[in-house]
Amino acid sequence: MNKILVTGGAGFIGSAFVRLQLREHPELHIVTYDKLTYSGNLDNLRDADPARHTFVRGDINDPDTLGPALEGCDAVVNFAAESHVDRSLNGAADFIATNVAGVNTVLDQARRAGVGRVLLVSTDEVYGSIEEGAFRETDAPHPRNPYAASKAAGELFGTAYGETYGLHVVTTRGSNTYGPYQYPEKVLPLFVTNALDGLPLPLYGDGMNVRDWLHVDDHCRGIDTALRHGAPGEVYNIPGGNERRNIELTRRILELTGRDETLIRPVADRVGHDRRYAIDGAKLRALGWAPRMDWDEGIALTVQWYKDNEGWWRKIKSGEFREYYRRQYGL
């Protein structure tokens, strides 16, 4: 591959993927396509080499902009999504527009442009909650919130385009991802930045919900492996192998930021809150992928990044973010 279009490439995981591709594949030219909604940020791409990177501002639902951006591309990786469960609980329309209709537009335009491969970035949340064990790719999705339902629906459009038009579509389902440049409405960067400021950490319910944490660079390497070596029509799980209860995560963040547990502020639990996520990654491991980042090292490096990049997140945690935070948590 010589040229890849990355939709949603100014977001958290998308920008990490762009940086990884530019770093590890010197033959590639990357076209980043992003609408720059509240979570898209060109500061995430400030170090991209302009000789090998082009930015196009556009909505994936706009074929008149997306179509030309796809010209000459060998592949498209779709990160563009509404991705915050809490926001989906307040209204699913934007999630349907981007995660379902938008995916359809990406697939249709890729087909018309003769793009060789499409990778749809999805989530372990499509499986729903599991008490023990881990979901495999052959397990039926059972989404339990509007965000997860919209991602599952987008996946089905990928399956349909493969079956109907023979489009080479691969889907990845990653677990909870963390690392630098993550928009601070998500729990880990929210808690880190609040703790740095001595502000309350709003912990849902009893704090016993379990998540599997995956470093963003490991996630992006998994996506790259599936893109280059995955079979058309297949789904690949990308687990982190680091299951932690939310209260454990909270306490570790407090420890790394030098704060104590008086900052923990229990809040009413999220409706339909999945208790535990866990996915099996044997299928992707068979293609040669394995996570590299140790959990203790990864979270320490992540907290340090937010300490060192205060200007990045302070600019975000104002205006619209502040109003959203007040509505969501009453704090």
C-alpha atoms as a PDB file:
ATOM      1  CA  MET A   1       0.000   0.000   0.000  1.00  0.00           C
ATOM      2  CA  ASN A   2       1.206   3.478  -0.908  1.00  0.00           C
ATOM      3  CA  LYS A   3      -1.680   5.703   0.164  1.00  0.00           C
ATOM      4  CA  ILE A   4      -4.233   5.275   2.961  1.00  0.00           C
ATOM      5  CA  LEU A   5      -7.221   7.420   3.882  1.00  0.00           C
ATOM      6  CA  VAL A   6      -7.830   7.623   7.633  1.00  0.00           C
ATOM      7  CA  THR A   7     -11.262   8.956   8.529  1.00  0.00           C
ATOM      8  CA  GLY A   8     -11.554  10.435  12.000  1.00  0.00           C
ATOM      9  CA  GLY A   9      -7.782  10.745  11.943  1.00  0.00           C
ATOM     10  CA  ALA A  10      -7.686  13.841  14.160  1.00  0.00           C
ATOM     11  CA  GLY A  11      -9.276  11.997  17.085  1.00  0.00           C
ATOM     12  CA  PHE A  12      -7.594  10.014  19.825  1.00  0.00           C
ATOM     13  CA  ILE A  13      -7.045   6.559  18.291  1.00  0.00           C
ATOM     14  CA  GLY A  14      -7.164   7.818  14.704  1.00  0.00           C
ATOM     15  CA  SER A  15      -4.327  10.292  15.218  1.00  0.00           C
ATOM     16  CA  ALA A  16      -2.274   7.623  17.012  1.00  0.00           C
ATOM     17  CA  PHE A  17      -2.772   5.385  13.970  1.00  0.00           C
ATOM     18  CA  VAL A  18      -1.651   8.177  11.631  1.00  0.00           C
ATOM     19  CA  ARG A  19       1.469   8.765  13.708  1.00  0.00           C
ATOM     20  CA  LEU A  20       2.207   5.025  13.784  1.00  0.00           C
ATOM     21  CA  GLN A  21       1.838   4.660  10.014  1.00  0.00           C
ATOM     22  CA  LEU A  22       4.102   7.613   9.311  1.00  0.00           C
ATOM     23  CA  ARG A  23       6.658   6.301  11.777  1.00  0.00           C
ATOM     24  CA  GLU A  24       6.722   2.631  10.773  1.00  0.00           C
ATOM     25  CA  HIS A  25       5.868   2.694   7.058  1.00  0.00           C
ATOM     26  CA  PRO A  26       8.085   5.280   5.332  1.00  0.00           C
ATOM     27  CA  GLU A  27       6.663   4.454   1.910  1.00  0.00           C
ATOM     28  CA  LEU A  28       3.157   5.576   2.876  1.00  0.00           C
ATOM     29  CA  HIS A  29       1.294   8.798   2.264  1.00  0.00           C
ATOM     30  CA  ILE A  30      -1.574   9.329   4.705  1.00  0.00           C
ATOM     31  CA  VAL A  31      -4.691  11.363   3.985  1.00  0.00           C
ATOM     32  CA  THR A  32      -6.423  12.318   7.227  1.00  0.00           C
ATOM     33  CA  TYR A  33     -10.117  13.070   6.797  1.00  0.00           C
ATOM     34  CA  ASP A  34     -11.912  14.590   9.777  1.00  0.00           C
ATOM     35  CA  LYS A  35     -14.960  16.758  10.436  1.00  0.00           C
ATOM     36  CA  LEU A  36     -13.245  18.291  13.488  1.00  0.00           C
ATOM     37  CA  THR A  37     -16.209  17.947  15.822  1.00  0.00           C
ATOM     38  CA  TYR A  38     -15.680  18.538  19.546  1.00  0.00           C
ATOM     39  CA  SER A  39     -13.224  15.631  19.933  1.00  0.00           C
ATOM     40  CA  GLY A  40     -11.237  16.160  16.723  1.00  0.00           C
ATOM     41  CA  ASN A  41      -8.067  18.168  17.263  1.00  0.00           C
ATOM     42  CA  LEU A  42      -5.409  19.170  14.750  1.00  0.00           C
ATOM     43  CA  ASP A  43      -2.956  19.553  17.638  1.00  0.00           C
ATOM     44  CA  ASN A  44      -2.927  15.736  17.681  1.00  0.00           C
ATOM     45  CA  LEU A  45      -1.240  15.813  14.249  1.00  0.00           C
ATOM     46  CA  ARG A  46       1.092  18.740  14.782  1.00  0.00           C
ATOM     47  CA  ASP A  47       4.216  16.632  14.159  1.00  0.00           C
ATOM     48  CA  ALA A  48       2.991  14.932  10.966  1.00  0.00           C
ATOM     49  CA  ASP A  49       5.384  15.385   8.044  1.00  0.00           C
ATOM     50  CA  PRO A  50       3.552  17.560   5.469  1.00  0.00           C
ATOM     51  CA  ALA A  51       5.442  15.822   2.672  1.00  0.00           C
ATOM     52  CA  ARG A  52       3.755  12.549   3.601  1.00  0.00           C
ATOM     53  CA  HIS A  53       0.531  13.731   5.204  1.00  0.00           C
ATOM     54  CA  THR A  54      -2.495  15.560   3.808  1.00  0.00           C
ATOM     55  CA  PHE A  55      -5.411  16.818   5.868  1.00  0.00           C
ATOM     56  CA  VAL A  56      -8.924  17.123   4.424  1.00  0.00           C
ATOM     57  CA  ARG A  57     -11.720  18.547   6.530  1.00  0.00           C
ATOM     58  CA  GLY A  58     -14.987  16.807   5.807  1.00  0.00           C
ATOM     59  CA  ASP A  59     -17.941  14.784   7.041  1.00  0.00           C
ATOM     60  CA  ILE A  60     -18.009  11.073   6.166  1.00  0.00           C
ATOM     61  CA  ASN A  61     -21.663  11.603   5.221  1.00  0.00           C
ATOM     62  CA  ASP A  62     -20.602  14.027   2.465  1.00  0.00           C
ATOM     63  CA  PRO A  63     -19.812  11.992  -0.675  1.00  0.00           C
ATOM     64  CA  ASP A  64     -18.830  15.115  -2.626  1.00  0.00           C
ATOM     65  CA  THR A  65     -15.877  15.656  -0.274  1.00  0.00           C
ATOM     66  CA  LEU A  66     -15.155  12.056   0.672  1.00  0.00           C
ATOM     67  CA  GLY A  67     -15.128  10.730  -2.877  1.00  0.00           C
ATOM     68  CA  PRO A  68     -12.284  12.970  -4.126  1.00  0.00           C
ATOM     69  CA  ALA A  69     -10.312  12.335  -0.918  1.00  0.00           C
ATOM     70  CA  LEU A  70     -10.370   8.608  -1.711  1.00  0.00           C
ATOM     71  CA  GLU A  71      -8.834   9.002  -5.162  1.00  0.00           C
ATOM     72  CA  GLY A  72      -5.674   6.969  -5.504  1.00  0.00           C
ATOM     73  CA  CYS A  73      -6.014   5.366  -2.058  1.00  0.00           C
ATOM     74  CA  ASP A  74      -5.232   1.692  -1.599  1.00  0.00           C
ATOM     75  CA  ALA A  75      -7.169   1.446   1.656  1.00  0.00           C
ATOM     76  CA  VAL A  76      -9.434   3.367   4.004  1.00  0.00           C
ATOM     77  CA  VAL A  77      -9.464   2.926   7.781  1.00  0.00           C
ATOM     78  CA  ASN A  78     -12.623   4.287   9.366  1.00  0.00           C
ATOM     79  CA  PHE A  79     -12.170   5.717  12.868  1.00  0.00           C
ATOM     80  CA  ALA A  80     -14.807   8.422  12.398  1.00  0.00           C
ATOM     81  CA  ALA A  81     -17.426   7.849  15.078  1.00  0.00           C
ATOM     82  CA  GLU A  82     -19.461   9.213  17.896  1.00  0.00           C
ATOM     83  CA  SER A  83     -17.934   7.161  20.683  1.00  0.00           C
ATOM     84  CA  HIS A  84     -19.023   8.282  24.137  1.00  0.00           C
ATOM     85  CA  VAL A  85     -21.672   6.083  25.769  1.00  0.00           C
ATOM     86  CA  ASP A  86     -22.869   8.838  28.099  1.00  0.00           C
ATOM     87  CA  ARG A  87     -23.649  11.125  25.171  1.00  0.00           C
ATOM     88  CA  SER A  88     -25.544   8.328  23.395  1.00  0.00           C
ATOM     89  CA  LEU A  89     -27.754   7.901  26.455  1.00  0.00           C
ATOM     90  CA  ASN A  90     -28.832  11.521  26.080  1.00  0.00           C
ATOM     91  CA  GLY A  91     -29.783  11.040  22.430  1.00  0.00           C
ATOM     92  CA  ALA A  92     -28.794   8.571  19.720  1.00  0.00           C
ATOM     93  CA  ALA A  93     -29.439  10.608  16.562  1.00  0.00           C
ATOM     94  CA  ASP A  94     -25.829  11.741  16.074  1.00  0.00           C
ATOM     95  CA  PHE A  95     -24.621   8.189  16.682  1.00  0.00           C
ATOM     96  CA  ILE A  96     -26.921   6.784  14.010  1.00  0.00           C
ATOM     97  CA  ALA A  97     -25.905   9.526  11.576  1.00  0.00           C
ATOM     98  CA  THR A  98     -22.168   8.903  11.964  1.00  0.00           C
ATOM     99  CA  ASN A  99     -21.804   5.285  13.044  1.00  0.00           C
ATOM    100  CA  VAL A 100     -24.436   3.838  10.705  1.00  0.00           C
ATOM    101  CA  ALA A 101     -25.213   6.204   7.818  1.00  0.00           C
ATOM    102  CA  GLY A 102     -21.634   7.488   7.790  1.00  0.00           C
ATOM    103  CA  VAL A 103     -20.204   3.981   7.586  1.00  0.00           C
ATOM    104  CA  ASN A 104     -22.535   3.257   4.681  1.00  0.00           C
ATOM    105  CA  THR A 105     -21.212   6.348   2.864  1.00  0.00           C
ATOM    106  CA  VAL A 106     -17.599   5.304   3.481  1.00  0.00           C
ATOM    107  CA  LEU A 107     -18.272   1.832   2.132  1.00  0.00           C
ATOM    108  CA  ASP A 108     -20.188   3.104  -0.891  1.00  0.00           C
ATOM    109  CA  GLN A 109     -17.556   5.680  -1.812  1.00  0.00           C
ATOM    110  CA  ALA A 110     -14.745   3.174  -1.328  1.00  0.00           C
ATOM    111  CA  ARG A 111     -16.526   0.780  -3.664  1.00  0.00           C
ATOM    112  CA  ARG A 112     -17.033   3.472  -6.296  1.00  0.00           C
ATOM    113  CA  ALA A 113     -13.404   4.599  -6.025  1.00  0.00           C
ATOM    114  CA  GLY A 114     -12.074   1.059  -6.395  1.00  0.00           C
ATOM    115  CA  VAL A 115     -10.339   1.104  -3.016  1.00  0.00           C
ATOM    116  CA  GLY A 116      -8.802  -2.284  -2.337  1.00  0.00           C
ATOM    117  CA  ARG A 117      -9.394  -2.568   1.403  1.00  0.00           C
ATOM    118  CA  VAL A 118     -11.687  -1.080   4.031  1.00  0.00           C
ATOM    119  CA  LEU A 119     -11.153  -1.513   7.749  1.00  0.00           C
ATOM    120  CA  LEU A 120     -13.952  -0.600  10.145  1.00  0.00           C
ATOM    121  CA  VAL A 121     -12.776   0.213  13.658  1.00  0.00           C
ATOM    122  CA  SER A 122     -15.383  -1.047  16.115  1.00  0.00           C
ATOM    123  CA  THR A 123     -15.510  -1.866  19.816  1.00  0.00           C
ATOM    124  CA  ASP A 124     -15.759  -4.743  22.280  1.00  0.00           C
ATOM    125  CA  GLU A 125     -18.925  -3.070  23.562  1.00  0.00           C
ATOM    126  CA  VAL A 126     -20.939  -4.603  20.709  1.00  0.00           C
ATOM    127  CA  TYR A 127     -20.781  -7.936  22.567  1.00  0.00           C
ATOM    128  CA  GLY A 128     -22.359  -6.566  25.732  1.00  0.00           C
ATOM    129  CA  SER A 129     -21.450  -7.684  29.241  1.00  0.00           C
ATOM    130  CA  ILE A 130     -19.969 -11.059  30.213  1.00  0.00           C
ATOM    131  CA  GLU A 131     -19.747 -12.453  33.745  1.00  0.00           C
ATOM    132  CA  GLU A 132     -16.793 -14.771  33.142  1.00  0.00           C
ATOM    133  CA  GLY A 133     -14.626 -15.908  30.276  1.00  0.00           C
ATOM    134  CA  ALA A 134     -14.128 -13.821  27.136  1.00  0.00           C
ATOM    135  CA  PHE A 135     -16.044 -13.190  23.933  1.00  0.00           C
ATOM    136  CA  ARG A 136     -14.763 -14.614  20.656  1.00  0.00           C
ATOM    137  CA  GLU A 137     -15.458 -13.207  17.223  1.00  0.00           C
ATOM    138  CA  THR A 138     -18.008 -15.972  16.577  1.00  0.00           C
ATOM    139  CA  ASP A 139     -20.166 -14.844  19.520  1.00  0.00           C
ATOM    140  CA  ALA A 140     -23.272 -12.914  18.573  1.00  0.00           C
ATOM    141  CA  PRO A 141     -23.266  -9.184  19.363  1.00  0.00           C
ATOM    142  CA  HIS A 142     -25.635  -8.099  22.108  1.00  0.00           C
ATOM    143  CA  PRO A 143     -25.217  -4.318  22.451  1.00  0.00           C
ATOM    144  CA  ARG A 144     -26.768  -2.831  25.580  1.00  0.00           C
ATOM    145  CA  ASN A 145     -26.536   0.908  24.915  1.00  0.00           C
ATOM    146  CA  PRO A 146     -27.262   3.125  21.888  1.00  0.00           C
ATOM    147  CA  TYR A 147     -23.571   3.716  21.140  1.00  0.00           C
ATOM    148  CA  ALA A 148     -22.794  -0.006  21.005  1.00  0.00           C
ATOM    149  CA  ALA A 149     -25.938  -0.651  18.938  1.00  0.00           C
ATOM    150  CA  SER A 150     -24.880   1.953  16.371  1.00  0.00           C
ATOM    151  CA  LYS A 151     -21.415   0.388  16.076  1.00  0.00           C
ATOM    152  CA  ALA A 152     -22.923  -3.082  15.629  1.00  0.00           C
ATOM    153  CA  ALA A 153     -25.210  -1.745  12.904  1.00  0.00           C
ATOM    154  CA  GLY A 154     -22.266  -0.171  11.099  1.00  0.00           C
ATOM    155  CA  GLU A 155     -20.456  -3.504  11.201  1.00  0.00           C
ATOM    156  CA  LEU A 156     -23.407  -5.182   9.515  1.00  0.00           C
ATOM    157  CA  PHE A 157     -23.193  -2.734   6.629  1.00  0.00           C
ATOM    158  CA  GLY A 158     -19.569  -3.799   6.213  1.00  0.00           C
ATOM    159  CA  THR A 159     -20.659  -7.431   6.044  1.00  0.00           C
ATOM    160  CA  ALA A 160     -23.360  -6.560   3.530  1.00  0.00           C
ATOM    161  CA  TYR A 161     -20.978  -4.670   1.225  1.00  0.00           C
ATOM    162  CA  GLY A 162     -18.591  -7.612   1.294  1.00  0.00           C
ATOM    163  CA  GLU A 163     -21.315 -10.100   0.439  1.00  0.00           C
ATOM    164  CA  THR A 164     -23.089  -7.932  -2.142  1.00  0.00           C
ATOM    165  CA  TYR A 165     -20.234  -6.159  -3.919  1.00  0.00           C
ATOM    166  CA  GLY A 166     -17.201  -8.240  -3.006  1.00  0.00           C
ATOM    167  CA  LEU A 167     -15.642  -5.308  -1.156  1.00  0.00           C
ATOM    168  CA  HIS A 168     -12.671  -6.316   1.010  1.00  0.00           C
ATOM    169  CA  VAL A 169     -13.921  -5.287   4.452  1.00  0.00           C
ATOM    170  CA  VAL A 170     -12.262  -6.173   7.764  1.00  0.00           C
ATOM    171  CA  THR A 171     -13.578  -5.195  11.205  1.00  0.00           C
ATOM    172  CA  THR A 172     -11.665  -4.810  14.469  1.00  0.00           C
ATOM    173  CA  ARG A 173     -13.154  -4.728  17.961  1.00  0.00           C
ATOM    174  CA  GLY A 174     -10.827  -3.124  20.477  1.00  0.00           C
ATOM    175  CA  SER A 175     -11.091  -3.022  24.240  1.00  0.00           C
ATOM    176  CA  ASN A 176     -10.953   0.128  26.396  1.00  0.00           C
ATOM    177  CA  THR A 177      -8.117   2.206  25.026  1.00  0.00           C
ATOM    178  CA  TYR A 178      -5.903   4.665  26.880  1.00  0.00           C
ATOM    179  CA  GLY A 179      -2.876   6.819  26.195  1.00  0.00           C
ATOM    180  CA  PRO A 180      -1.869  10.364  25.224  1.00  0.00           C
ATOM    181  CA  TYR A 181      -4.171  12.761  23.356  1.00  0.00           C
ATOM    182  CA  GLN A 182      -7.408  11.158  24.638  1.00  0.00           C
ATOM    183  CA  TYR A 183     -10.296  13.608  24.850  1.00  0.00           C
ATOM    184  CA  PRO A 184     -10.888  14.185  28.579  1.00  0.00           C
ATOM    185  CA  GLU A 185     -14.550  13.211  28.736  1.00  0.00           C
ATOM    186  CA  LYS A 186     -13.400   9.562  28.886  1.00  0.00           C
ATOM    187  CA  VAL A 187     -12.786   8.185  32.354  1.00  0.00           C
ATOM    188  CA  LEU A 188      -9.011   7.849  32.429  1.00  0.00           C
ATOM    189  CA  PRO A 189      -8.016  11.310  31.133  1.00  0.00           C
ATOM    190  CA  LEU A 190     -10.936  12.891  33.006  1.00  0.00           C
ATOM    191  CA  PHE A 191      -9.792  11.406  36.306  1.00  0.00           C
ATOM    192  CA  VAL A 192      -6.134  12.212  35.654  1.00  0.00           C
ATOM    193  CA  THR A 193      -6.760  15.851  34.784  1.00  0.00           C
ATOM    194  CA  ASN A 194      -9.277  16.317  37.603  1.00  0.00           C
ATOM    195  CA  ALA A 195      -6.831  14.811  40.080  1.00  0.00           C
ATOM    196  CA  LEU A 196      -4.047  17.092  38.863  1.00  0.00           C
ATOM    197  CA  ASP A 197      -6.345  20.029  39.626  1.00  0.00           C
ATOM    198  CA  GLY A 198      -7.547  18.604  42.949  1.00  0.00           C
ATOM    199  CA  LEU A 199     -11.095  18.239  41.648  1.00  0.00           C
ATOM    200  CA  PRO A 200     -13.568  15.427  42.465  1.00  0.00           C
ATOM    201  CA  LEU A 201     -13.383  12.181  40.485  1.00  0.00           C
ATOM    202  CA  PRO A 202     -17.010  11.225  39.626  1.00  0.00           C
ATOM    203  CA  LEU A 203     -17.052   7.429  39.968  1.00  0.00           C
ATOM    204  CA  TYR A 204     -20.138   5.616  38.694  1.00  0.00           C
ATOM    205  CA  GLY A 205     -22.025   3.322  41.074  1.00  0.00           C
ATOM    206  CA  ASP A 206     -19.977   1.010  43.273  1.00  0.00           C
ATOM    207  CA  GLY A 207     -16.876   1.262  41.093  1.00  0.00           C
ATOM    208  CA  MET A 208     -16.779  -2.503  40.547  1.00  0.00           C
ATOM    209  CA  ASN A 209     -17.356  -2.494  36.791  1.00  0.00           C
ATOM    210  CA  VAL A 210     -14.474  -4.258  35.019  1.00  0.00           C
ATOM    211  CA  ARG A 211     -12.741  -3.015  31.884  1.00  0.00           C
ATOM    212  CA  ASP A 212      -9.829  -4.454  29.903  1.00  0.00           C
ATOM    213  CA  TRP A 213      -7.284  -1.699  29.219  1.00  0.00           C
ATOM    214  CA  LEU A 214      -5.370  -1.513  25.933  1.00  0.00           C
ATOM    215  CA  HIS A 215      -2.649   1.025  25.202  1.00  0.00           C
ATOM    216  CA  VAL A 216      -3.404   3.087  22.114  1.00  0.00           C
ATOM    217  CA  ASP A 217      -0.178   2.105  20.349  1.00  0.00           C
ATOM    218  CA  ASP A 218      -0.964  -1.595  20.845  1.00  0.00           C
ATOM    219  CA  HIS A 219      -4.481  -0.954  19.560  1.00  0.00           C
ATOM    220  CA  CYS A 220      -3.121   0.744  16.453  1.00  0.00           C
ATOM    221  CA  ARG A 221      -0.635  -2.055  15.795  1.00  0.00           C
ATOM    222  CA  GLY A 222      -3.532  -4.489  16.016  1.00  0.00           C
ATOM    223  CA  ILE A 223      -5.504  -2.466  13.486  1.00  0.00           C
ATOM    224  CA  ASP A 224      -2.465  -2.327  11.214  1.00  0.00           C
ATOM    225  CA  THR A 225      -2.055  -6.114  11.449  1.00  0.00           C
ATOM    226  CA  ALA A 226      -5.708  -6.706  10.579  1.00  0.00           C
ATOM    227  CA  LEU A 227      -5.544  -4.196   7.720  1.00  0.00           C
ATOM    228  CA  ARG A 228      -2.481  -5.780   6.118  1.00  0.00           C
ATOM    229  CA  HIS A 229      -3.022  -9.450   6.920  1.00  0.00           C
ATOM    230  CA  GLY A 230      -6.684  -9.891   7.810  1.00  0.00           C
ATOM    231  CA  ALA A 231      -8.996 -11.894   5.558  1.00  0.00           C
ATOM    232  CA  PRO A 232     -11.936 -10.142   3.868  1.00  0.00           C
ATOM    233  CA  GLY A 233     -15.166 -10.395   5.810  1.00  0.00           C
ATOM    234  CA  GLU A 234     -13.419 -11.280   9.060  1.00  0.00           C
ATOM    235  CA  VAL A 235     -13.629  -9.686  12.507  1.00  0.00           C
ATOM    236  CA  TYR A 236     -10.609  -9.436  14.821  1.00  0.00           C
ATOM    237  CA  ASN A 237     -10.689  -8.734  18.561  1.00  0.00           C
ATOM    238  CA  ILE A 238      -7.928  -6.534  20.011  1.00  0.00           C
ATOM    239  CA  PRO A 239      -7.734  -7.074  23.794  1.00  0.00           C
ATOM    240  CA  GLY A 240      -5.348  -5.437  26.232  1.00  0.00           C
ATOM    241  CA  GLY A 241      -5.112  -8.247  28.764  1.00  0.00           C
ATOM    242  CA  ASN A 242      -5.338  -5.776  31.645  1.00  0.00           C
ATOM    243  CA  GLU A 243      -8.649  -6.219  33.452  1.00  0.00           C
ATOM    244  CA  ARG A 244      -9.182  -3.680  36.215  1.00  0.00           C
ATOM    245  CA  ARG A 245     -12.168  -2.625  38.280  1.00  0.00           C
ATOM    246  CA  ASN A 246     -12.965   1.053  37.928  1.00  0.00           C
ATOM    247  CA  ILE A 247     -12.200   1.634  41.604  1.00  0.00           C
ATOM    248  CA  GLU A 248      -8.745   0.063  41.106  1.00  0.00           C
ATOM    249  CA  LEU A 249      -8.109   2.352  38.151  1.00  0.00           C
ATOM    250  CA  THR A 250      -9.227   5.342  40.199  1.00  0.00           C
ATOM    251  CA  ARG A 251      -6.929   4.518  43.101  1.00  0.00           C
ATOM    252  CA  ARG A 252      -3.954   4.018  40.781  1.00  0.00           C
ATOM    253  CA  ILE A 253      -4.560   7.404  39.186  1.00  0.00           C
ATOM    254  CA  LEU A 254      -4.723   9.041  42.606  1.00  0.00           C
ATOM    255  CA  GLU A 255      -1.461   7.355  43.563  1.00  0.00           C
ATOM    256  CA  LEU A 256       0.312   8.505  40.385  1.00  0.00           C
ATOM    257  CA  THR A 257      -0.938  12.077  40.771  1.00  0.00           C
ATOM    258  CA  GLY A 258      -0.096  12.306  44.467  1.00  0.00           C
ATOM    259  CA  ARG A 259      -3.714  12.678  45.588  1.00  0.00           C
ATOM    260  CA  ASP A 260      -5.768  10.771  48.155  1.00  0.00           C
ATOM    261  CA  GLU A 261      -9.137   9.045  48.086  1.00  0.00           C
ATOM    262  CA  THR A 262     -11.011  12.035  49.476  1.00  0.00           C
ATOM    263  CA  LEU A 263     -11.304  13.149  45.832  1.00  0.00           C
ATOM    264  CA  ILE A 264     -13.463  10.121  44.933  1.00  0.00           C
ATOM    265  CA  ARG A 265     -17.042  11.295  44.447  1.00  0.00           C
ATOM    266  CA  PRO A 266     -19.588   8.462  43.934  1.00  0.00           C
ATOM    267  CA  VAL A 267     -22.316   9.438  41.453  1.00  0.00           C
ATOM    268  CA  ALA A 268     -25.474   7.678  40.273  1.00  0.00           C
ATOM    269  CA  ASP A 269     -24.639   4.740  38.054  1.00  0.00           C
ATOM    270  CA  ARG A 270     -24.978   4.987  34.291  1.00  0.00           C
ATOM    271  CA  VAL A 271     -28.212   3.369  33.059  1.00  0.00           C
ATOM    272  CA  GLY A 272     -27.603  -0.004  31.428  1.00  0.00           C
ATOM    273  CA  HIS A 273     -23.996   0.051  32.651  1.00  0.00           C
ATOM    274  CA  ASP A 274     -22.230  -3.097  31.407  1.00  0.00           C
ATOM    275  CA  ARG A 275     -20.579  -4.897  34.320  1.00  0.00           C
ATOM    276  CA  ARG A 276     -17.623  -6.522  32.584  1.00  0.00           C
ATOM    277  CA  TYR A 277     -16.023  -6.538  29.142  1.00  0.00           C
ATOM    278  CA  ALA A 278     -13.578  -9.230  28.045  1.00  0.00           C
ATOM    279  CA  ILE A 279     -12.531 -10.410  24.586  1.00  0.00           C
ATOM    280  CA  ASP A 280     -10.295 -13.197  23.310  1.00  0.00           C
ATOM    281  CA  GLY A 281      -7.463 -12.128  20.989  1.00  0.00           C
ATOM    282  CA  ALA A 282      -6.204 -15.508  19.736  1.00  0.00           C
ATOM    283  CA  LYS A 283      -7.358 -14.855  16.188  1.00  0.00           C
ATOM    284  CA  LEU A 284      -5.294 -11.679  15.810  1.00  0.00           C
ATOM    285  CA  ARG A 285      -2.341 -13.213  17.640  1.00  0.00           C
ATOM    286  CA  ALA A 286      -2.301 -15.916  14.953  1.00  0.00           C
ATOM    287  CA  LEU A 287      -1.519 -13.120  12.460  1.00  0.00           C
ATOM    288  CA  GLY A 288       1.524 -12.090  14.504  1.00  0.00           C
ATOM    289  CA  TRP A 289       0.145  -9.353  16.774  1.00  0.00           C
ATOM    290  CA  ALA A 290       0.636  -9.150  20.524  1.00  0.00           C
ATOM    291  CA  PRO A 291       0.360  -6.206  22.933  1.00  0.00           C
ATOM    292  CA  ARG A 292       3.737  -4.740  23.914  1.00  0.00           C
ATOM    293  CA  MET A 293       2.894  -2.207  26.610  1.00  0.00           C
ATOM    294  CA  ASP A 294       2.962  -3.355  30.226  1.00  0.00           C
ATOM    295  CA  TRP A 295       0.002  -1.949  32.189  1.00  0.00           C
ATOM    296  CA  ASP A 296       1.998  -0.419  35.022  1.00  0.00           C
ATOM    297  CA  GLU A 297       4.384   1.245  32.611  1.00  0.00           C
ATOM    298  CA  GLY A 298       1.615   2.321  30.277  1.00  0.00           C
ATOM    299  CA  ILE A 299      -0.552   4.065  32.845  1.00  0.00           C
ATOM    300  CA  ALA A 300       2.479   5.743  34.437  1.00  0.00           C
ATOM    301  CA  LEU A 301       3.597   7.071  31.051  1.00  0.00           C
ATOM    302  CA  THR A 302       0.052   8.223  30.284  1.00  0.00           C
ATOM    303  CA  VAL A 303      -0.324  10.133  33.548  1.00  0.00           C
ATOM    304  CA  GLN A 304       3.075  11.710  32.975  1.00  0.00           C
ATOM    305  CA  TRP A 305       2.013  12.798  29.478  1.00  0.00           C
ATOM    306  CA  TYR A 306      -0.973  14.690  30.901  1.00  0.00           C
ATOM    307  CA  LYS A 307       1.313  16.275  33.492  1.00  0.00           C
ATOM    308  CA  ASP A 308       3.696  17.376  30.739  1.00  0.00           C
ATOM    309  CA  ASN A 309       1.016  18.554  28.289  1.00  0.00           C
ATOM    310  CA  GLU A 310      -1.197  20.689  30.480  1.00  0.00           C
ATOM    311  CA  GLY A 311      -1.705  23.235  27.698  1.00  0.00           C
ATOM    312  CA  TRP A 312      -3.260  20.578  25.451  1.00  0.00           C
ATOM    313  CA  TRP A 313      -5.994  19.518  27.875  1.00  0.00           C
ATOM    314  CA  ARG A 314      -6.664  22.851  29.570  1.00  0.00           C
ATOM    315  CA  LYS A 315      -7.662  24.324  26.231  1.00  0.00           C
ATOM    316  CA  ILE A 316     -10.190  21.498  25.826  1.00  0.00           C
ATOM    317  CA  LYS A 317     -11.641  21.521  29.361  1.00  0.00           C
ATOM    318  CA  SER A 318     -13.396  24.824  28.911  1.00  0.00           C
ATOM    319  CA  GLY A 319     -16.387  26.085  26.943  1.00  0.00           C
ATOM    320  CA  GLU A 320     -18.519  23.239  25.599  1.00  0.00           C
ATOM    321  CA  PHE A 321     -16.713  20.633  27.684  1.00  0.00           C
ATOM    322  CA  ARG A 322     -17.379  22.481  30.936  1.00  0.00           C
ATOM    323  CA  GLU A 323     -21.092  22.743  30.176  1.00  0.00           C
ATOM    324  CA  TYR A 324     -21.281  19.054  29.251  1.00  0.00           C
ATOM    325  CA  TYR A 325     -19.458  18.093  32.473  1.00  0.00           C
ATOM    326  CA  ARG A 326     -21.824  20.127  34.616  1.00  0.00           C
ATOM    327  CA  ARG A 327     -24.886  18.541  32.971  1.00  0.00           C
ATOM    328  CA  GLN A 328     -23.491  15.028  33.198  1.00  0.00           C
ATOM    329  CA  TYR A 329     -22.223  14.948  36.767  1.00  0.00           C
ATOM    330  CA  GLY A 330     -23.782  17.974  38.475  1.00  0.00           C
ATOM    331  CA  LEU A 331     -20.319  19.036  39.643  1.00  0.00           C
END
